[in-house]
C-alpha atoms as a PDB file:
ATOM      1  CA  UNK A   1       0.000   0.000   0.000  1.00  0.00           C
ATOM      2  CA  UNK A   2       1.433   3.358  -1.045  1.00  0.00           C
ATOM      3  CA  UNK A   3       0.617   6.358   1.123  1.00  0.00           C
ATOM      4  CA  UNK A   4       1.272  10.039   0.419  1.00  0.00           C
ATOM      5  CA  UNK A   5       1.034  12.674   3.148  1.00  0.00           C
ATOM      6  CA  UNK A   6      -0.296  16.141   2.347  1.00  0.00           C
ATOM      7  CA  UNK A   7       0.869  18.447   5.138  1.00  0.00           C
ATOM      8  CA  UNK A   8      -0.952  21.775   5.112  1.00  0.00           C
ATOM      9  CA  UNK A   9       1.393  24.668   5.929  1.00  0.00           C
ATOM     10  CA  UNK A  10      -0.154  27.494   3.922  1.00  0.00           C
ATOM     11  CA  UNK A  11      -2.565  29.230   6.293  1.00  0.00           C
ATOM     12  CA  UNK A  12      -2.402  32.874   7.303  1.00  0.00           C
ATOM     13  CA  UNK A  13      -2.936  32.270  11.053  1.00  0.00           C
ATOM     14  CA  UNK A  14      -5.735  34.851  11.186  1.00  0.00           C
ATOM     15  CA  UNK A  15      -6.529  34.109  14.823  1.00  0.00           C
ATOM     16  CA  UNK A  16      -2.904  34.749  15.847  1.00  0.00           C
ATOM     17  CA  UNK A  17      -3.025  38.490  15.035  1.00  0.00           C
ATOM     18  CA  UNK A  18      -0.688  38.259  12.089  1.00  0.00           C
ATOM     19  CA  UNK A  19       1.912  35.961  13.679  1.00  0.00           C
ATOM     20  CA  UNK A  20       2.678  32.819  11.655  1.00  0.00           C
ATOM     21  CA  UNK A  21       2.123  30.115  14.258  1.00  0.00           C
ATOM     22  CA  UNK A  22       4.119  27.565  12.275  1.00  0.00           C
ATOM     23  CA  UNK A  23       7.293  29.588  12.753  1.00  0.00           C
ATOM     24  CA  UNK A  24       6.912  30.071  16.503  1.00  0.00           C
ATOM     25  CA  UNK A  25       9.701  28.534  18.604  1.00  0.00           C
ATOM     26  CA  UNK A  26       8.928  25.211  20.235  1.00  0.00           C
ATOM     27  CA  UNK A  27      11.351  22.745  21.836  1.00  0.00           C
ATOM     28  CA  UNK A  28      14.343  24.649  20.374  1.00  0.00           C
ATOM     29  CA  UNK A  29      12.907  24.434  16.854  1.00  0.00           C
ATOM     30  CA  UNK A  30       9.687  25.656  15.256  1.00  0.00           C
ATOM     31  CA  UNK A  31       6.224  24.153  15.393  1.00  0.00           C
ATOM     32  CA  UNK A  32       6.278  23.164  11.720  1.00  0.00           C
ATOM     33  CA  UNK A  33       9.702  21.525  12.122  1.00  0.00           C
ATOM     34  CA  UNK A  34       8.518  19.374  15.017  1.00  0.00           C
ATOM     35  CA  UNK A  35       5.460  18.280  13.038  1.00  0.00           C
ATOM     36  CA  UNK A  36       7.550  17.428   9.977  1.00  0.00           C
ATOM     37  CA  UNK A  37      10.102  15.537  12.072  1.00  0.00           C
ATOM     38  CA  UNK A  38       7.354  13.440  13.649  1.00  0.00           C
ATOM     39  CA  UNK A  39       6.067  12.521  10.189  1.00  0.00           C
ATOM     40  CA  UNK A  40       9.562  11.691   8.958  1.00  0.00           C
ATOM     41  CA  UNK A  41      10.157   9.453  11.967  1.00  0.00           C
ATOM     42  CA  UNK A  42       6.830   7.718  11.308  1.00  0.00           C
ATOM     43  CA  UNK A  43       8.266   6.656   7.926  1.00  0.00           C
ATOM     44  CA  UNK A  44       4.884   5.888   6.369  1.00  0.00           C
ATOM     45  CA  UNK A  45       5.131   7.635   3.023  1.00  0.00           C
ATOM     46  CA  UNK A  46       6.162  10.615   0.931  1.00  0.00           C
ATOM     47  CA  UNK A  47       5.554  13.975   2.602  1.00  0.00           C
ATOM     48  CA  UNK A  48       4.215  16.826   0.472  1.00  0.00           C
ATOM     49  CA  UNK A  49       4.260  20.147   2.334  1.00  0.00           C
ATOM     50  CA  UNK A  50       1.879  22.731   0.886  1.00  0.00           C
ATOM     51  CA  UNK A  51       3.110  26.276   1.538  1.00  0.00           C
ATOM     52  CA  UNK A  52       1.399  29.617   1.040  1.00  0.00           C
ATOM     53  CA  UNK A  53       1.541  32.406   3.619  1.00  0.00           C
ATOM     54  CA  UNK A  54       5.183  33.371   4.231  1.00  0.00           C
ATOM     55  CA  UNK A  55       6.214  30.494   2.010  1.00  0.00           C
ATOM     56  CA  UNK A  56       9.865  31.541   1.840  1.00  0.00           C
ATOM     57  CA  UNK A  57      10.219  31.537   5.635  1.00  0.00           C
ATOM     58  CA  UNK A  58       8.546  28.141   5.918  1.00  0.00           C
ATOM     59  CA  UNK A  59      10.739  26.747   3.141  1.00  0.00           C
ATOM     60  CA  UNK A  60      13.839  28.105   4.896  1.00  0.00           C
ATOM     61  CA  UNK A  61      13.167  26.354   8.212  1.00  0.00           C
ATOM     62  CA  UNK A  62      12.322  23.121   6.375  1.00  0.00           C
ATOM     63  CA  UNK A  63      15.363  23.194   4.102  1.00  0.00           C
ATOM     64  CA  UNK A  64      17.241  19.913   4.134  1.00  0.00           C
ATOM     65  CA  UNK A  65      14.352  17.738   5.267  1.00  0.00           C
ATOM     66  CA  UNK A  66      13.429  14.780   2.999  1.00  0.00           C
ATOM     67  CA  UNK A  67      10.150  16.313   1.877  1.00  0.00           C
ATOM     68  CA  UNK A  68       8.587  17.795  -1.243  1.00  0.00           C
ATOM     69  CA  UNK A  69       7.329  21.377  -1.027  1.00  0.00           C
ATOM     70  CA  UNK A  70       4.672  22.854  -3.299  1.00  0.00           C
ATOM     71  CA  UNK A  71       3.185  26.343  -3.281  1.00  0.00           C
ATOM     72  CA  UNK A  72      -0.531  27.156  -3.282  1.00  0.00           C
ATOM     73  CA  UNK A  73      -0.927  30.633  -4.822  1.00  0.00           C
ATOM     74  CA  UNK A  74      -4.543  30.770  -3.626  1.00  0.00           C
ATOM     75  CA  UNK A  75      -3.721  29.957  -0.002  1.00  0.00           C
ATOM     76  CA  UNK A  76      -5.723  32.910   1.327  1.00  0.00           C
ATOM     77  CA  UNK A  77      -9.023  31.450   0.088  1.00  0.00           C
ATOM     78  CA  UNK A  78      -9.046  28.578   2.571  1.00  0.00           C
ATOM     79  CA  UNK A  79      -7.849  25.074   3.361  1.00  0.00           C
ATOM     80  CA  UNK A  80      -9.513  23.309   0.428  1.00  0.00           C
ATOM     81  CA  UNK A  81      -7.238  24.901  -2.154  1.00  0.00           C
ATOM     82  CA  UNK A  82      -4.175  23.700  -0.272  1.00  0.00           C
ATOM     83  CA  UNK A  83      -5.539  20.155  -0.075  1.00  0.00           C
ATOM     84  CA  UNK A  84      -6.162  20.253  -3.820  1.00  0.00           C
ATOM     85  CA  UNK A  85      -2.667  21.632  -4.492  1.00  0.00           C
ATOM     86  CA  UNK A  86      -1.255  18.695  -2.563  1.00  0.00           C
ATOM     87  CA  UNK A  87      -3.440  16.207  -4.434  1.00  0.00           C
ATOM     88  CA  UNK A  88      -2.184  17.517  -7.765  1.00  0.00           C
ATOM     89  CA  UNK A  89       1.311  16.504  -6.663  1.00  0.00           C
ATOM     90  CA  UNK A  90       0.699  13.025  -5.216  1.00  0.00           C
ATOM     91  CA  UNK A  91       2.183   9.948  -6.853  1.00  0.00           C
ATOM     92  CA  UNK A  92      -0.023   8.478  -9.560  1.00  0.00           C
ATOM     93  CA  UNK A  93       0.062   5.086  -7.854  1.00  0.00           C
ATOM     94  CA  UNK A  94      -0.661   6.347  -4.327  1.00  0.00           C
ATOM     95  CA  UNK A  95      -3.560   4.402  -2.835  1.00  0.00           C
ATOM     96  CA  UNK A  96      -4.150   6.567   0.217  1.00  0.00           C
ATOM     97  CA  UNK A  97      -3.756  10.246   1.077  1.00  0.00           C
ATOM     98  CA  UNK A  98      -3.207  11.440   4.622  1.00  0.00           C
ATOM     99  CA  UNK A  99      -4.346  15.053   5.114  1.00  0.00           C
ATOM    100  CA  UNK A 100      -2.336  16.395   8.052  1.00  0.00           C
ATOM    101  CA  UNK A 101      -2.074  19.769   9.779  1.00  0.00           C
ATOM    102  CA  UNK A 102       1.292  21.350  10.470  1.00  0.00           C
ATOM    103  CA  UNK A 103       0.284  23.022  13.744  1.00  0.00           C
ATOM    104  CA  UNK A 104      -0.119  19.722  15.601  1.00  0.00           C
ATOM    105  CA  UNK A 105       3.314  18.939  17.097  1.00  0.00           C
ATOM    106  CA  UNK A 106       1.848  16.580  19.704  1.00  0.00           C
ATOM    107  CA  UNK A 107       0.927  13.868  17.214  1.00  0.00           C
ATOM    108  CA  UNK A 108       3.723  11.374  17.776  1.00  0.00           C
ATOM    109  CA  UNK A 109       5.224   9.158  15.056  1.00  0.00           C
ATOM    110  CA  UNK A 110       3.567   6.054  16.491  1.00  0.00           C
ATOM    111  CA  UNK A 111       0.151   7.712  16.198  1.00  0.00           C
ATOM    112  CA  UNK A 112       0.681   8.327  12.481  1.00  0.00           C
ATOM    113  CA  UNK A 113       1.919   4.747  12.160  1.00  0.00           C
ATOM    114  CA  UNK A 114      -1.157   3.356  13.887  1.00  0.00           C
ATOM    115  CA  UNK A 115      -3.526   5.202  11.564  1.00  0.00           C
ATOM    116  CA  UNK A 116      -1.587   4.066   8.498  1.00  0.00           C
ATOM    117  CA  UNK A 117      -1.560   0.473   9.749  1.00  0.00           C
ATOM    118  CA  UNK A 118      -5.302   0.498  10.388  1.00  0.00           C
ATOM    119  CA  UNK A 119      -5.846   1.732   6.854  1.00  0.00           C
ATOM    120  CA  UNK A 120      -3.531  -0.959   5.494  1.00  0.00           C
ATOM    121  CA  UNK A 121      -5.365  -3.684   7.407  1.00  0.00           C
ATOM    122  CA  UNK A 122      -8.731  -2.636   5.991  1.00  0.00           C
ATOM    123  CA  UNK A 123      -7.361  -2.015   2.516  1.00  0.00           C
ATOM    124  CA  UNK A 124      -6.070  -5.547   2.112  1.00  0.00           C
ATOM    125  CA  UNK A 125      -9.396  -6.975   3.266  1.00  0.00           C
ATOM    126  CA  UNK A 126     -11.556  -4.980   0.888  1.00  0.00           C
ATOM    127  CA  UNK A 127     -10.362  -2.208  -1.413  1.00  0.00           C
ATOM    128  CA  UNK A 128     -13.563  -0.193  -1.234  1.00  0.00           C
ATOM    129  CA  UNK A 129     -13.787   3.570  -0.571  1.00  0.00           C
ATOM    130  CA  UNK A 130     -12.308   4.160   2.854  1.00  0.00           C
ATOM    131  CA  UNK A 131     -11.826   7.103   5.222  1.00  0.00           C
ATOM    132  CA  UNK A 132      -9.845   6.694   8.444  1.00  0.00           C
ATOM    133  CA  UNK A 133     -10.343   9.210  11.256  1.00  0.00           C
ATOM    134  CA  UNK A 134      -8.821   9.239  14.754  1.00  0.00           C
ATOM    135  CA  UNK A 135     -11.223   9.721  17.659  1.00  0.00           C
ATOM    136  CA  UNK A 136     -10.979  10.238  21.397  1.00  0.00           C
ATOM    137  CA  UNK A 137     -14.115   9.743  23.490  1.00  0.00           C
ATOM    138  CA  UNK A 138     -16.253  10.001  20.373  1.00  0.00           C
ATOM    139  CA  UNK A 139     -14.713  13.273  19.138  1.00  0.00           C
ATOM    140  CA  UNK A 140     -13.059  13.202  15.728  1.00  0.00           C
ATOM    141  CA  UNK A 141      -9.555  14.636  15.297  1.00  0.00           C
ATOM    142  CA  UNK A 142      -6.774  14.815  12.710  1.00  0.00           C
ATOM    143  CA  UNK A 143      -5.199  13.652  10.436  1.00  0.00           C
ATOM    144  CA  UNK A 144      -7.773  12.145   8.076  1.00  0.00           C
ATOM    145  CA  UNK A 145      -6.888   9.426   5.572  1.00  0.00           C
ATOM    146  CA  UNK A 146      -8.725   8.998   2.263  1.00  0.00           C
ATOM    147  CA  UNK A 147      -8.455   6.135  -0.189  1.00  0.00           C
ATOM    148  CA  UNK A 148      -7.747   7.209  -3.752  1.00  0.00           C
ATOM    149  CA  UNK A 149     -11.440   6.650  -4.593  1.00  0.00           C
ATOM    150  CA  UNK A 150     -11.998  10.148  -3.208  1.00  0.00           C
ATOM    151  CA  UNK A 151      -9.401  11.980  -5.290  1.00  0.00           C
ATOM    152  CA  UNK A 152     -11.873  13.224  -7.903  1.00  0.00           C
ATOM    153  CA  UNK A 153     -14.358  14.346  -5.243  1.00  0.00           C
ATOM    154  CA  UNK A 154     -11.651  16.156  -3.279  1.00  0.00           C
ATOM    155  CA  UNK A 155     -10.363  17.935  -6.374  1.00  0.00           C
ATOM    156  CA  UNK A 156     -13.896  19.033  -7.330  1.00  0.00           C
ATOM    157  CA  UNK A 157     -14.861  20.096  -3.794  1.00  0.00           C
ATOM    158  CA  UNK A 158     -15.840  23.764  -3.692  1.00  0.00           C
ATOM    159  CA  UNK A 159     -16.315  24.397   0.030  1.00  0.00           C
ATOM    160  CA  UNK A 160     -13.398  26.496   1.232  1.00  0.00           C
ATOM    161  CA  UNK A 161     -12.908  25.087   4.737  1.00  0.00           C
ATOM    162  CA  UNK A 162     -11.491  21.648   3.939  1.00  0.00           C
ATOM    163  CA  UNK A 163     -12.938  18.182   3.478  1.00  0.00           C
ATOM    164  CA  UNK A 164     -15.367  17.896   6.409  1.00  0.00           C
ATOM    165  CA  UNK A 165     -18.388  17.828   4.114  1.00  0.00           C
ATOM    166  CA  UNK A 166     -16.949  14.928   2.118  1.00  0.00           C
ATOM    167  CA  UNK A 167     -16.374  12.981   5.316  1.00  0.00           C
ATOM    168  CA  UNK A 168     -19.943  13.664   6.497  1.00  0.00           C
ATOM    169  CA  UNK A 169     -21.349  12.662   3.102  1.00  0.00           C
ATOM    170  CA  UNK A 170     -19.779   9.171   3.240  1.00  0.00           C
ATOM    171  CA  UNK A 171     -20.580   7.683   6.660  1.00  0.00           C
ATOM    172  CA  UNK A 172     -20.450   4.124   5.298  1.00  0.00           C
ATOM    173  CA  UNK A 173     -16.804   4.615   4.278  1.00  0.00           C
ATOM    174  CA  UNK A 174     -15.596   5.915   7.639  1.00  0.00           C
ATOM    175  CA  UNK A 175     -13.568   3.798  10.018  1.00  0.00           C
ATOM    176  CA  UNK A 176     -12.719   5.505  13.296  1.00  0.00           C
ATOM    177  CA  UNK A 177      -9.600   4.626  15.261  1.00  0.00           C
ATOM    178  CA  UNK A 178      -9.742   5.219  19.006  1.00  0.00           C
ATOM    179  CA  UNK A 179      -6.586   6.840  20.348  1.00  0.00           C
ATOM    180  CA  UNK A 180      -5.628   7.238  23.991  1.00  0.00           C
ATOM    181  CA  UNK A 181      -3.992  10.639  23.623  1.00  0.00           C
ATOM    182  CA  UNK A 182      -5.180  14.204  23.036  1.00  0.00           C
ATOM    183  CA  UNK A 183      -2.492  14.885  20.446  1.00  0.00           C
ATOM    184  CA  UNK A 184      -4.953  14.611  17.560  1.00  0.00           C
ATOM    185  CA  UNK A 185      -6.857  17.607  18.954  1.00  0.00           C
ATOM    186  CA  UNK A 186      -4.032  19.821  20.207  1.00  0.00           C
ATOM    187  CA  UNK A 187      -3.624  22.322  17.419  1.00  0.00           C
ATOM    188  CA  UNK A 188      -2.649  25.973  17.826  1.00  0.00           C
ATOM    189  CA  UNK A 189      -5.313  28.434  16.750  1.00  0.00           C
ATOM    190  CA  UNK A 190      -4.910  31.202  19.322  1.00  0.00           C
ATOM    191  CA  UNK A 191      -2.016  32.807  21.179  1.00  0.00           C
ATOM    192  CA  UNK A 192      -3.382  31.262  24.382  1.00  0.00           C
ATOM    193  CA  UNK A 193      -2.983  27.791  22.815  1.00  0.00           C
ATOM    194  CA  UNK A 194       0.662  28.510  22.099  1.00  0.00           C
ATOM    195  CA  UNK A 195       1.332  29.832  25.593  1.00  0.00           C
ATOM    196  CA  UNK A 196      -0.266  26.741  27.055  1.00  0.00           C
ATOM    197  CA  UNK A 197       1.849  24.254  25.104  1.00  0.00           C
ATOM    198  CA  UNK A 198       4.999  26.330  25.584  1.00  0.00           C
ATOM    199  CA  UNK A 199       4.495  26.233  29.351  1.00  0.00           C
ATOM    200  CA  UNK A 200       4.129  22.459  29.178  1.00  0.00           C
ATOM    201  CA  UNK A 201       7.789  22.307  28.131  1.00  0.00           C
END
């Protein structure tokens, strides 16, 4: 099973008052570096980082990592365009796409591995349309994995805020994976979120 990761790193961080949250210092690096390093350590597939806002700065801090970087010129319109930019650069023979967020440094490599393994287990049983979503106490988190059946739908999707509507529209395809950690929910939307995680370390 071939998996490609689309890591979204294009947003403008509107709720951070103009500060690019991905470039904030965290554990002697930056938030986006920690996220990328966790994905690299997971070793589950090619990583495509979609840049946009302050693309040059993001590219600079990620220079030297074994990743592919692509630029979404329409990054300001919302998350969907960045997902679609990533999809246009996946391998032709990729069977699954993991849509991941770059402001989630608490998702450990083994969590990514578990989600990929659960997908692989189901895929070999029955190669039907499949969506894998992590959950904790019934609440759905990130990243989300889509089988390549959904590529056309994702590329044609016109809602600006990501792929939530596609997930909701295909309940029969969803397999949830219960995780025992809050990492799949701990993103950084507000300055208070950053202060909280910074104080944890």
